[in-house]
């Protein structure tokens, strides 16, 4: 014998089902709102990242251009008989920016040789660039304007030593920095504003001003 559900029982089931349906509909609506909020947030993050990337690229580009100009000016001031310049290659890999500095030499016939300083142009060119890059970092970081060069110019040809001395003096004047250069080269001593030599004494050694 089967029991026939009463009308009140059926209405109760219907009410429960309607309540469950309304709950699900509400959850779906809330989920849609959440999805839309997340999509809006993702779009905003994308826009912000785009702006930051643009600012970073602009900063890197501006810095690189300044470095190119500084190094090119330095090389041409020292190596007056050569048309040297510095170019940069900016690469972005996995969101990281890397910059390679390439030295270029334009020959009298118009051909251009490019390469990394140490590999293609020898130690003298690399030394000039290294000194200028250290000065640039010093200035950008707000460090004390003082540099110690302890026998840092051994690779220079005699024909360029005088130019290098004058260039270092110009750098000190224009950028308001002090350079203490330890050297045995008379040409560099002659280019200095003030020079000392170490004199041996019975008790050790002392500094004696030469000029």
N, C-alpha and C. Protein backbone atom coordinates (compact mmCIF):
# COMPACT_ATOMS: atom_id res chain seq x y z
N UNK A 1 0.85 -1.18 0.00
CA UNK A 1 0.00 0.00 0.00
C UNK A 1 0.89 1.25 0.00
N UNK A 2 0.73 2.11 -1.00
CA UNK A 2 1.54 3.31 -1.11
C UNK A 2 0.83 4.49 -0.50
N UNK A 3 1.70 5.35 0.17
CA UNK A 3 1.13 6.54 0.82
C UNK A 3 1.22 7.71 -0.15
N UNK A 4 0.14 8.34 -0.39
CA UNK A 4 0.09 9.48 -1.30
C UNK A 4 0.47 10.74 -0.52
N UNK A 5 1.51 11.49 -1.02
CA UNK A 5 1.93 12.72 -0.30
C UNK A 5 0.77 13.70 -0.21
N UNK A 6 0.75 14.34 0.93
CA UNK A 6 -0.30 15.35 1.11
C UNK A 6 0.10 16.64 0.40
N UNK A 7 -0.86 17.49 0.21
CA UNK A 7 -0.61 18.76 -0.46
C UNK A 7 0.38 19.61 0.33
N UNK A 8 0.24 19.61 1.64
CA UNK A 8 1.13 20.41 2.49
C UNK A 8 2.57 19.91 2.40
N UNK A 9 2.74 18.59 2.28
CA UNK A 9 4.10 18.02 2.17
C UNK A 9 4.74 18.43 0.85
N UNK A 10 3.96 18.38 -0.24
CA UNK A 10 4.48 18.78 -1.55
C UNK A 10 4.86 20.26 -1.55
N UNK A 11 4.02 21.08 -0.93
CA UNK A 11 4.32 22.50 -0.87
C UNK A 11 5.61 22.75 -0.09
N UNK A 12 5.83 21.97 0.97
CA UNK A 12 7.04 22.12 1.77
C UNK A 12 8.28 21.78 0.95
N UNK A 13 8.19 20.69 0.14
CA UNK A 13 9.32 20.33 -0.71
C UNK A 13 9.59 21.41 -1.77
N UNK A 14 8.49 21.91 -2.34
CA UNK A 14 8.62 22.96 -3.34
C UNK A 14 9.29 24.19 -2.73
N UNK A 15 8.90 24.54 -1.52
CA UNK A 15 9.48 25.72 -0.86
C UNK A 15 10.98 25.51 -0.61
N UNK A 16 11.32 24.25 -0.19
CA UNK A 16 12.75 23.97 0.04
C UNK A 16 13.55 24.06 -1.26
N UNK A 17 12.98 23.53 -2.33
CA UNK A 17 13.65 23.57 -3.61
C UNK A 17 13.80 25.01 -4.11
N UNK A 18 12.74 25.79 -3.91
CA UNK A 18 12.82 27.20 -4.31
C UNK A 18 13.89 27.93 -3.51
N UNK A 19 13.95 27.62 -2.22
CA UNK A 19 14.97 28.24 -1.37
C UNK A 19 16.38 27.86 -1.82
N UNK A 20 16.54 26.57 -2.16
CA UNK A 20 17.86 26.12 -2.64
C UNK A 20 18.20 26.79 -3.96
N UNK A 21 17.15 26.92 -4.85
CA UNK A 21 17.38 27.58 -6.13
C UNK A 21 17.77 29.04 -5.93
N UNK A 22 17.07 29.73 -5.04
CA UNK A 22 17.37 31.13 -4.78
C UNK A 22 18.79 31.30 -4.23
N UNK A 23 19.18 30.34 -3.37
CA UNK A 23 20.54 30.39 -2.81
C UNK A 23 21.59 30.24 -3.92
N UNK A 24 21.35 29.26 -4.80
CA UNK A 24 22.27 29.03 -5.91
C UNK A 24 22.32 30.24 -6.84
N UNK A 25 21.14 30.80 -7.13
CA UNK A 25 21.08 31.99 -7.99
C UNK A 25 21.86 33.14 -7.36
N UNK A 26 21.71 33.30 -6.03
CA UNK A 26 22.45 34.35 -5.33
C UNK A 26 23.95 34.12 -5.38
N UNK A 27 24.36 32.84 -5.21
CA UNK A 27 25.78 32.51 -5.27
C UNK A 27 26.35 32.76 -6.65
N UNK A 28 25.56 32.43 -7.68
CA UNK A 28 25.99 32.67 -9.06
C UNK A 28 26.16 34.17 -9.31
N UNK A 29 25.21 34.95 -8.80
CA UNK A 29 25.29 36.40 -8.97
C UNK A 29 26.52 36.97 -8.25
N UNK A 30 26.75 36.48 -7.03
CA UNK A 30 27.94 36.94 -6.28
C UNK A 30 29.23 36.54 -6.99
N UNK A 31 29.24 35.32 -7.54
CA UNK A 31 30.42 34.85 -8.26
C UNK A 31 30.68 35.69 -9.50
N UNK A 32 29.61 36.05 -10.21
CA UNK A 32 29.76 36.89 -11.40
C UNK A 32 30.34 38.26 -11.03
N UNK A 33 29.86 38.82 -9.90
CA UNK A 33 30.38 40.11 -9.44
C UNK A 33 31.86 39.98 -9.08
N UNK A 34 32.20 38.86 -8.40
CA UNK A 34 33.60 38.63 -8.02
C UNK A 34 34.49 38.49 -9.25
N UNK A 35 34.00 37.73 -10.24
CA UNK A 35 34.75 37.55 -11.48
C UNK A 35 34.97 38.88 -12.17
N UNK A 36 33.93 39.72 -12.22
CA UNK A 36 34.05 41.02 -12.85
C UNK A 36 35.05 41.91 -12.11
N UNK A 37 34.99 41.84 -10.76
CA UNK A 37 35.95 42.63 -9.97
C UNK A 37 37.38 42.17 -10.24
N UNK A 38 37.58 40.83 -10.32
CA UNK A 38 38.91 40.31 -10.59
C UNK A 38 39.39 40.70 -11.98
N UNK A 39 38.48 40.66 -12.95
CA UNK A 39 38.85 41.06 -14.31
C UNK A 39 39.21 42.54 -14.37
N UNK A 40 38.44 43.37 -13.65
CA UNK A 40 38.75 44.80 -13.59
C UNK A 40 40.10 45.04 -12.92
N UNK A 41 40.34 44.27 -11.83
CA UNK A 41 41.62 44.42 -11.12
C UNK A 41 42.78 43.97 -12.00
N UNK A 42 42.59 42.86 -12.72
CA UNK A 42 43.64 42.37 -13.61
C UNK A 42 43.93 43.38 -14.72
N UNK A 43 42.88 44.01 -15.24
CA UNK A 43 43.06 45.02 -16.28
C UNK A 43 43.81 46.23 -15.73
N UNK A 44 43.45 46.62 -14.48
CA UNK A 44 44.13 47.75 -13.85
C UNK A 44 45.60 47.43 -13.60
N UNK A 45 45.86 46.21 -13.11
CA UNK A 45 47.25 45.80 -12.88
C UNK A 45 48.03 45.81 -14.18
N UNK A 46 47.40 45.35 -15.25
CA UNK A 46 48.04 45.36 -16.56
C UNK A 46 48.37 46.78 -17.01
N UNK A 47 47.43 47.71 -16.78
CA UNK A 47 47.67 49.10 -17.16
C UNK A 47 48.80 49.71 -16.32
N UNK A 48 48.80 49.40 -15.02
CA UNK A 48 49.84 49.91 -14.13
C UNK A 48 51.20 49.36 -14.55
N UNK A 49 51.24 48.06 -14.87
CA UNK A 49 52.50 47.46 -15.31
C UNK A 49 52.98 48.10 -16.60
N UNK A 50 52.03 48.42 -17.47
CA UNK A 50 52.39 49.09 -18.72
C UNK A 50 53.00 50.46 -18.47
N UNK A 51 52.39 51.19 -17.52
CA UNK A 51 52.92 52.52 -17.18
C UNK A 51 54.31 52.41 -16.56
N UNK A 52 54.47 51.45 -15.62
CA UNK A 52 55.76 51.26 -14.98
C UNK A 52 56.82 50.84 -15.99
N UNK A 53 56.45 49.97 -16.91
CA UNK A 53 57.40 49.54 -17.94
C UNK A 53 57.83 50.72 -18.81
N UNK A 54 56.85 51.57 -19.13
CA UNK A 54 57.16 52.76 -19.93
C UNK A 54 58.11 53.68 -19.18
N UNK A 55 57.85 53.87 -17.88
CA UNK A 55 58.71 54.73 -17.07
C UNK A 55 60.11 54.14 -16.94
N UNK A 56 60.18 52.82 -16.71
CA UNK A 56 61.47 52.15 -16.57
C UNK A 56 62.25 52.23 -17.87
N UNK A 57 61.55 51.95 -18.98
CA UNK A 57 62.22 52.03 -20.29
C UNK A 57 62.74 53.44 -20.55
N UNK A 58 61.92 54.44 -20.18
CA UNK A 58 62.34 55.83 -20.40
C UNK A 58 63.56 56.16 -19.54
N UNK A 59 63.54 55.68 -18.28
CA UNK A 59 64.67 55.94 -17.37
C UNK A 59 65.94 55.26 -17.87
N UNK A 60 65.78 53.99 -18.27
CA UNK A 60 66.94 53.24 -18.77
C UNK A 60 67.49 53.91 -20.03
N UNK A 61 66.57 54.29 -20.93
CA UNK A 61 66.99 54.92 -22.19
C UNK A 61 67.71 56.23 -21.92
N UNK A 62 67.14 57.05 -21.02
CA UNK A 62 67.76 58.34 -20.70
C UNK A 62 69.13 58.13 -20.07
N UNK A 63 69.23 57.14 -19.16
CA UNK A 63 70.51 56.88 -18.50
C UNK A 63 71.54 56.36 -19.50
N UNK A 64 71.07 55.48 -20.37
CA UNK A 64 71.98 54.90 -21.37
C UNK A 64 72.50 55.98 -22.30
N UNK A 65 71.62 56.87 -22.73
CA UNK A 65 72.04 57.95 -23.62
C UNK A 65 73.06 58.85 -22.94
N UNK A 66 72.86 59.12 -21.65
CA UNK A 66 73.82 59.94 -20.91
C UNK A 66 75.17 59.23 -20.82
N UNK A 67 75.14 57.92 -20.58
CA UNK A 67 76.38 57.14 -20.50
C UNK A 67 77.08 57.14 -21.85
N UNK A 68 76.32 56.96 -22.92
CA UNK A 68 76.90 56.98 -24.27
C UNK A 68 77.62 58.29 -24.54
N UNK A 69 76.96 59.41 -24.21
CA UNK A 69 77.55 60.72 -24.47
C UNK A 69 78.82 60.93 -23.65
N UNK A 70 78.76 60.55 -22.37
CA UNK A 70 79.91 60.74 -21.48
C UNK A 70 81.10 59.92 -21.94
N UNK A 71 80.87 58.64 -22.24
CA UNK A 71 81.98 57.78 -22.64
C UNK A 71 82.55 58.20 -24.00
N UNK A 72 81.66 58.58 -24.90
CA UNK A 72 82.13 59.03 -26.22
C UNK A 72 82.98 60.28 -26.09
N UNK A 73 82.52 61.23 -25.29
CA UNK A 73 83.28 62.46 -25.08
C UNK A 73 84.64 62.16 -24.46
N UNK A 74 84.66 61.25 -23.49
CA UNK A 74 85.91 60.89 -22.83
C UNK A 74 86.90 60.24 -23.78
N UNK A 75 86.41 59.29 -24.58
CA UNK A 75 87.29 58.60 -25.52
C UNK A 75 87.86 59.56 -26.55
N UNK A 76 87.05 60.46 -27.06
CA UNK A 76 87.52 61.37 -28.10
C UNK A 76 88.45 62.44 -27.53
N UNK A 77 88.30 62.74 -26.22
CA UNK A 77 89.20 63.70 -25.60
C UNK A 77 90.59 63.11 -25.41
N UNK A 78 90.66 61.82 -25.18
CA UNK A 78 91.95 61.17 -24.95
C UNK A 78 92.58 60.69 -26.26
N UNK A 79 91.78 59.99 -27.06
CA UNK A 79 92.29 59.43 -28.32
C UNK A 79 91.88 60.36 -29.46
N UNK A 80 92.56 61.47 -29.53
CA UNK A 80 92.17 62.54 -30.45
C UNK A 80 92.35 62.18 -31.92
N UNK A 81 93.18 61.19 -32.19
CA UNK A 81 93.42 60.81 -33.57
C UNK A 81 92.52 59.67 -34.05
N UNK A 82 91.58 59.28 -33.19
CA UNK A 82 90.68 58.19 -33.55
C UNK A 82 89.23 58.63 -33.35
N UNK A 83 88.36 58.20 -34.24
CA UNK A 83 86.95 58.54 -34.13
C UNK A 83 86.24 57.41 -33.41
N UNK A 84 86.31 57.46 -32.08
CA UNK A 84 85.69 56.43 -31.24
C UNK A 84 84.36 56.92 -30.70
N UNK A 85 83.47 55.99 -30.49
CA UNK A 85 82.17 56.31 -29.88
C UNK A 85 81.66 55.07 -29.15
N UNK A 86 80.66 55.27 -28.32
CA UNK A 86 80.08 54.17 -27.55
C UNK A 86 78.60 54.08 -27.86
N UNK A 87 78.16 52.88 -28.15
CA UNK A 87 76.75 52.59 -28.39
C UNK A 87 76.26 51.59 -27.36
N UNK A 88 74.96 51.53 -27.16
CA UNK A 88 74.40 50.61 -26.18
C UNK A 88 73.40 49.68 -26.84
N UNK A 89 73.36 48.48 -26.34
CA UNK A 89 72.37 47.49 -26.75
C UNK A 89 71.54 47.14 -25.53
N UNK A 90 70.27 47.56 -25.54
CA UNK A 90 69.37 47.31 -24.41
C UNK A 90 68.53 46.07 -24.72
N UNK A 91 68.62 45.09 -23.86
CA UNK A 91 67.88 43.85 -24.04
C UNK A 91 66.98 43.61 -22.84
N UNK A 92 65.80 43.04 -23.10
CA UNK A 92 64.86 42.71 -22.04
C UNK A 92 64.59 41.22 -22.10
N UNK A 93 64.95 40.52 -21.02
CA UNK A 93 64.75 39.07 -20.95
C UNK A 93 64.07 38.74 -19.64
N UNK A 94 62.87 38.12 -19.76
CA UNK A 94 62.09 37.75 -18.57
C UNK A 94 61.85 38.94 -17.65
N UNK A 95 61.57 40.06 -18.25
CA UNK A 95 61.24 41.26 -17.48
C UNK A 95 62.43 42.01 -16.92
N UNK A 96 63.65 41.52 -17.16
CA UNK A 96 64.84 42.18 -16.66
C UNK A 96 65.56 42.90 -17.80
N UNK A 97 66.03 44.09 -17.50
CA UNK A 97 66.70 44.90 -18.50
C UNK A 97 68.21 44.74 -18.35
N UNK A 98 68.88 44.46 -19.45
CA UNK A 98 70.34 44.39 -19.46
C UNK A 98 70.88 45.31 -20.55
N UNK A 99 71.99 45.94 -20.26
CA UNK A 99 72.58 46.89 -21.19
C UNK A 99 74.02 46.49 -21.48
N UNK A 100 74.35 46.36 -22.75
CA UNK A 100 75.71 46.08 -23.18
C UNK A 100 76.27 47.33 -23.86
N UNK A 101 77.46 47.74 -23.44
CA UNK A 101 78.12 48.90 -24.04
C UNK A 101 79.09 48.43 -25.10
N UNK A 102 78.91 48.91 -26.31
CA UNK A 102 79.72 48.52 -27.45
C UNK A 102 80.53 49.73 -27.92
N UNK A 103 81.82 49.54 -28.09
CA UNK A 103 82.68 50.59 -28.61
C UNK A 103 82.77 50.49 -30.12
N UNK A 104 82.66 51.63 -30.79
CA UNK A 104 82.73 51.68 -32.25
C UNK A 104 83.88 52.57 -32.68
N UNK A 105 84.58 52.15 -33.73
CA UNK A 105 85.70 52.91 -34.29
C UNK A 105 85.46 53.11 -35.77
N UNK A 106 85.28 54.36 -36.17
CA UNK A 106 85.08 54.67 -37.58
C UNK A 106 86.43 54.99 -38.22
N UNK A 107 86.80 54.19 -39.18
CA UNK A 107 88.08 54.39 -39.86
C UNK A 107 87.97 55.50 -40.91
N UNK A 108 89.11 56.00 -41.37
CA UNK A 108 89.10 57.07 -42.39
C UNK A 108 88.36 56.68 -43.67
N UNK A 109 88.35 55.38 -44.01
CA UNK A 109 87.66 54.96 -45.23
C UNK A 109 86.16 54.77 -45.03
N UNK A 110 85.66 55.07 -43.81
CA UNK A 110 84.23 54.98 -43.55
C UNK A 110 83.78 53.68 -42.94
N UNK A 111 84.63 52.66 -42.93
CA UNK A 111 84.25 51.39 -42.30
C UNK A 111 84.24 51.55 -40.78
N UNK A 112 83.36 50.80 -40.14
CA UNK A 112 83.19 50.90 -38.69
C UNK A 112 83.45 49.54 -38.06
N UNK A 113 84.30 49.53 -37.05
CA UNK A 113 84.58 48.32 -36.28
C UNK A 113 83.90 48.46 -34.93
N UNK A 114 83.15 47.43 -34.55
CA UNK A 114 82.45 47.46 -33.26
C UNK A 114 82.85 46.24 -32.44
N UNK A 115 82.88 46.44 -31.13
CA UNK A 115 83.19 45.32 -30.26
C UNK A 115 83.27 45.75 -28.82
N UNK A 116 83.44 44.78 -27.93
CA UNK A 116 83.64 45.06 -26.51
C UNK A 116 85.05 45.63 -26.34
N UNK A 117 85.19 46.63 -25.50
CA UNK A 117 86.46 47.38 -25.39
C UNK A 117 87.66 46.47 -25.17
N UNK A 118 87.61 45.61 -24.15
CA UNK A 118 88.76 44.78 -23.83
C UNK A 118 89.15 43.85 -24.97
N UNK A 119 88.14 43.34 -25.67
CA UNK A 119 88.40 42.36 -26.72
C UNK A 119 88.89 43.01 -28.00
N UNK A 120 88.32 44.16 -28.37
CA UNK A 120 88.59 44.73 -29.68
C UNK A 120 89.50 45.95 -29.67
N UNK A 121 89.63 46.63 -28.53
CA UNK A 121 90.34 47.91 -28.55
C UNK A 121 91.46 48.01 -27.51
N UNK A 122 91.65 46.98 -26.72
CA UNK A 122 92.76 47.01 -25.77
C UNK A 122 92.43 47.66 -24.44
N UNK A 123 93.41 47.62 -23.53
CA UNK A 123 93.18 48.07 -22.17
C UNK A 123 93.03 49.55 -21.98
N UNK A 124 93.65 50.37 -22.83
CA UNK A 124 93.59 51.81 -22.66
C UNK A 124 92.17 52.34 -22.81
N UNK A 125 91.47 51.89 -23.84
CA UNK A 125 90.09 52.31 -24.06
C UNK A 125 89.21 51.84 -22.91
N UNK A 126 89.40 50.61 -22.49
CA UNK A 126 88.61 50.07 -21.38
C UNK A 126 88.88 50.83 -20.09
N UNK A 127 90.13 51.29 -19.90
CA UNK A 127 90.47 52.04 -18.68
C UNK A 127 89.73 53.37 -18.63
N UNK A 128 89.69 54.09 -19.73
CA UNK A 128 88.96 55.36 -19.78
C UNK A 128 87.49 55.14 -19.47
N UNK A 129 86.90 54.13 -20.08
CA UNK A 129 85.48 53.86 -19.85
C UNK A 129 85.23 53.45 -18.41
N UNK A 130 86.12 52.63 -17.85
CA UNK A 130 85.95 52.18 -16.47
C UNK A 130 85.97 53.35 -15.49
N UNK A 131 86.92 54.27 -15.68
CA UNK A 131 87.02 55.44 -14.79
C UNK A 131 85.76 56.28 -14.88
N UNK A 132 85.30 56.53 -16.11
CA UNK A 132 84.11 57.36 -16.29
C UNK A 132 82.85 56.70 -15.72
N UNK A 133 82.74 55.40 -15.86
CA UNK A 133 81.58 54.70 -15.31
C UNK A 133 81.59 54.75 -13.79
N UNK A 134 82.76 54.63 -13.19
CA UNK A 134 82.84 54.73 -11.73
C UNK A 134 82.46 56.14 -11.25
N UNK A 135 82.89 57.14 -11.99
CA UNK A 135 82.53 58.52 -11.65
C UNK A 135 81.02 58.72 -11.78
N UNK A 136 80.44 58.16 -12.84
CA UNK A 136 79.00 58.29 -13.06
C UNK A 136 78.21 57.64 -11.92
N UNK A 137 78.62 56.44 -11.51
CA UNK A 137 77.94 55.76 -10.39
C UNK A 137 78.09 56.58 -9.12
N UNK A 138 79.27 57.12 -8.90
CA UNK A 138 79.54 57.93 -7.73
C UNK A 138 78.58 59.12 -7.65
N UNK A 139 78.40 59.78 -8.79
CA UNK A 139 77.52 60.95 -8.83
C UNK A 139 76.07 60.56 -8.68
N UNK A 140 75.66 59.50 -9.36
CA UNK A 140 74.25 59.08 -9.30
C UNK A 140 73.86 58.63 -7.90
N UNK A 141 74.79 57.99 -7.19
CA UNK A 141 74.51 57.45 -5.85
C UNK A 141 74.73 58.48 -4.76
N UNK A 142 75.22 59.66 -5.13
CA UNK A 142 75.46 60.68 -4.12
C UNK A 142 76.61 60.33 -3.20
N UNK A 143 77.57 59.56 -3.70
CA UNK A 143 78.73 59.17 -2.88
C UNK A 143 79.72 60.33 -2.80
N UNK A 144 80.65 60.19 -1.89
CA UNK A 144 81.66 61.21 -1.73
C UNK A 144 82.46 61.36 -3.02
N UNK A 145 82.66 62.61 -3.44
CA UNK A 145 83.31 62.88 -4.73
C UNK A 145 84.82 62.74 -4.62
N UNK A 146 85.27 61.51 -4.42
CA UNK A 146 86.69 61.23 -4.29
C UNK A 146 86.99 59.88 -4.92
N UNK A 147 88.05 59.81 -5.72
CA UNK A 147 88.42 58.56 -6.37
C UNK A 147 89.91 58.33 -6.22
N UNK A 148 90.26 57.09 -5.88
CA UNK A 148 91.66 56.70 -5.76
C UNK A 148 92.01 55.80 -6.94
N UNK A 149 93.00 56.22 -7.71
CA UNK A 149 93.49 55.44 -8.85
C UNK A 149 94.94 55.04 -8.56
N UNK A 150 95.12 53.80 -8.18
CA UNK A 150 96.44 53.32 -7.80
C UNK A 150 97.06 52.58 -8.98
N UNK A 151 97.93 53.26 -9.72
CA UNK A 151 98.57 52.70 -10.91
C UNK A 151 97.52 52.13 -11.87
N UNK A 152 96.47 52.92 -12.10
CA UNK A 152 95.35 52.46 -12.92
C UNK A 152 95.52 52.73 -14.41
N UNK A 153 96.61 53.39 -14.79
CA UNK A 153 96.77 53.76 -16.20
C UNK A 153 98.05 53.18 -16.82
N UNK A 154 98.33 51.90 -16.58
CA UNK A 154 99.58 51.34 -17.11
C UNK A 154 99.52 51.01 -18.60
N UNK A 155 98.30 50.92 -19.17
CA UNK A 155 98.16 50.44 -20.55
C UNK A 155 98.25 51.55 -21.59
N UNK A 156 98.50 52.78 -21.18
CA UNK A 156 98.46 53.90 -22.11
C UNK A 156 99.74 54.03 -22.92
N UNK A 157 99.54 54.26 -24.21
CA UNK A 157 100.64 54.60 -25.09
C UNK A 157 101.15 55.99 -24.70
N UNK A 158 102.44 56.22 -24.86
CA UNK A 158 103.02 57.50 -24.46
C UNK A 158 102.37 58.68 -25.16
N UNK A 159 101.88 58.48 -26.39
CA UNK A 159 101.27 59.57 -27.14
C UNK A 159 99.92 60.01 -26.57
N UNK A 160 99.34 59.18 -25.70
CA UNK A 160 98.02 59.50 -25.14
C UNK A 160 98.07 59.88 -23.67
N UNK A 161 99.21 59.68 -23.03
CA UNK A 161 99.31 59.92 -21.59
C UNK A 161 99.01 61.38 -21.25
N UNK A 162 99.57 62.32 -22.00
CA UNK A 162 99.34 63.74 -21.73
C UNK A 162 97.85 64.08 -21.88
N UNK A 163 97.22 63.55 -22.92
CA UNK A 163 95.78 63.78 -23.11
C UNK A 163 94.97 63.26 -21.94
N UNK A 164 95.36 62.07 -21.44
CA UNK A 164 94.64 61.48 -20.32
C UNK A 164 94.79 62.34 -19.07
N UNK A 165 95.99 62.86 -18.85
CA UNK A 165 96.20 63.73 -17.69
C UNK A 165 95.34 64.98 -17.76
N UNK A 166 95.30 65.61 -18.93
CA UNK A 166 94.47 66.80 -19.10
C UNK A 166 92.99 66.47 -18.96
N UNK A 167 92.60 65.30 -19.47
CA UNK A 167 91.19 64.90 -19.37
C UNK A 167 90.78 64.69 -17.91
N UNK A 168 91.63 64.04 -17.13
CA UNK A 168 91.31 63.82 -15.72
C UNK A 168 91.19 65.16 -14.99
N UNK A 169 92.06 66.11 -15.33
CA UNK A 169 91.98 67.43 -14.73
C UNK A 169 90.67 68.12 -15.09
N UNK A 170 90.25 67.98 -16.35
CA UNK A 170 88.99 68.56 -16.80
C UNK A 170 87.80 67.93 -16.08
N UNK A 171 87.85 66.61 -15.91
CA UNK A 171 86.78 65.90 -15.20
C UNK A 171 86.65 66.40 -13.77
N UNK A 172 87.79 66.59 -13.10
CA UNK A 172 87.77 67.09 -11.72
C UNK A 172 87.12 68.47 -11.64
N UNK A 173 87.45 69.32 -12.60
CA UNK A 173 86.92 70.69 -12.60
C UNK A 173 85.43 70.72 -12.93
N UNK A 174 85.03 69.98 -13.95
CA UNK A 174 83.64 70.02 -14.41
C UNK A 174 82.69 69.30 -13.47
N UNK A 175 83.13 68.20 -12.88
CA UNK A 175 82.25 67.39 -12.04
C UNK A 175 82.50 67.61 -10.55
N UNK A 176 83.44 68.48 -10.21
CA UNK A 176 83.74 68.83 -8.82
C UNK A 176 84.07 67.58 -8.00
N UNK A 177 85.06 66.85 -8.46
CA UNK A 177 85.53 65.68 -7.72
C UNK A 177 87.04 65.77 -7.54
N UNK A 178 87.54 65.01 -6.59
CA UNK A 178 88.98 64.92 -6.34
C UNK A 178 89.46 63.53 -6.74
N UNK A 179 90.56 63.47 -7.46
CA UNK A 179 91.15 62.20 -7.85
C UNK A 179 92.57 62.14 -7.31
N UNK A 180 92.84 61.09 -6.52
CA UNK A 180 94.19 60.85 -6.03
C UNK A 180 94.79 59.75 -6.90
N UNK A 181 95.76 60.12 -7.70
CA UNK A 181 96.36 59.20 -8.66
C UNK A 181 97.77 58.84 -8.23
N UNK A 182 97.99 57.56 -8.04
CA UNK A 182 99.33 57.06 -7.72
C UNK A 182 99.98 56.61 -9.02
N UNK A 183 101.11 57.22 -9.37
CA UNK A 183 101.73 56.92 -10.66
C UNK A 183 103.23 57.18 -10.63
N UNK A 184 103.91 56.56 -11.59
CA UNK A 184 105.33 56.84 -11.81
C UNK A 184 105.52 57.61 -13.11
N UNK A 185 104.43 58.02 -13.73
CA UNK A 185 104.50 58.65 -15.04
C UNK A 185 104.61 60.17 -14.90
N UNK A 186 105.71 60.77 -15.33
CA UNK A 186 105.90 62.23 -15.19
C UNK A 186 104.83 63.04 -15.92
N UNK A 187 104.32 62.54 -17.05
CA UNK A 187 103.31 63.29 -17.81
C UNK A 187 102.03 63.46 -17.01
N UNK A 188 101.66 62.45 -16.26
CA UNK A 188 100.47 62.55 -15.42
C UNK A 188 100.73 63.47 -14.23
N UNK A 189 101.93 63.45 -13.73
CA UNK A 189 102.29 64.36 -12.63
C UNK A 189 102.20 65.81 -13.11
N UNK A 190 102.68 66.07 -14.32
CA UNK A 190 102.65 67.43 -14.87
C UNK A 190 101.23 67.94 -15.07
N UNK A 191 100.28 67.04 -15.30
CA UNK A 191 98.89 67.45 -15.54
C UNK A 191 98.11 67.69 -14.26
N UNK A 192 98.69 67.36 -13.11
CA UNK A 192 97.98 67.47 -11.85
C UNK A 192 98.01 68.89 -11.30
N UNK A 193 97.03 69.21 -10.48
CA UNK A 193 97.01 70.51 -9.81
C UNK A 193 97.98 70.53 -8.62
N UNK A 194 98.14 69.38 -8.01
CA UNK A 194 99.02 69.28 -6.86
C UNK A 194 99.69 67.92 -6.89
N UNK A 195 100.98 67.86 -6.62
CA UNK A 195 101.71 66.61 -6.72
C UNK A 195 102.61 66.42 -5.50
N UNK A 196 102.70 65.17 -5.05
CA UNK A 196 103.56 64.81 -3.94
C UNK A 196 104.39 63.60 -4.34
N UNK A 197 105.52 63.46 -3.69
CA UNK A 197 106.30 62.24 -3.87
C UNK A 197 106.64 61.69 -2.49
N UNK A 198 106.86 60.39 -2.45
CA UNK A 198 107.19 59.73 -1.19
C UNK A 198 108.71 59.69 -1.06
N UNK A 199 109.18 60.23 0.02
CA UNK A 199 110.62 60.29 0.27
C UNK A 199 110.96 59.39 1.44
N UNK A 200 111.94 58.54 1.23
CA UNK A 200 112.36 57.65 2.31
C UNK A 200 113.11 58.43 3.38
N UNK A 201 112.88 58.06 4.61
CA UNK A 201 113.59 58.67 5.74
C UNK A 201 114.09 57.54 6.65
N UNK A 202 114.86 57.91 7.63
CA UNK A 202 115.37 56.89 8.56
C UNK A 202 114.25 56.23 9.34
N UNK A 203 113.21 57.00 9.60
CA UNK A 203 112.10 56.45 10.38
C UNK A 203 111.01 55.82 9.51
N UNK A 204 111.18 55.88 8.18
CA UNK A 204 110.16 55.29 7.31
C UNK A 204 110.04 56.06 5.99
N UNK A 205 109.00 56.90 5.91
CA UNK A 205 108.79 57.69 4.68
C UNK A 205 107.92 58.89 5.01
N UNK A 206 108.00 59.90 4.14
CA UNK A 206 107.16 61.06 4.32
C UNK A 206 106.78 61.60 2.94
N UNK A 207 105.71 62.39 2.89
CA UNK A 207 105.26 63.01 1.66
C UNK A 207 105.95 64.37 1.48
N UNK A 208 106.41 64.61 0.29
CA UNK A 208 107.06 65.88 -0.03
C UNK A 208 106.33 66.51 -1.23
N UNK A 209 105.83 67.72 -1.04
CA UNK A 209 105.08 68.36 -2.12
C UNK A 209 106.02 68.82 -3.23
N UNK A 210 105.64 68.46 -4.48
CA UNK A 210 106.45 68.80 -5.63
C UNK A 210 105.94 70.07 -6.32
N UNK A 211 104.64 70.30 -6.25
CA UNK A 211 104.05 71.47 -6.90
C UNK A 211 102.69 71.79 -6.27
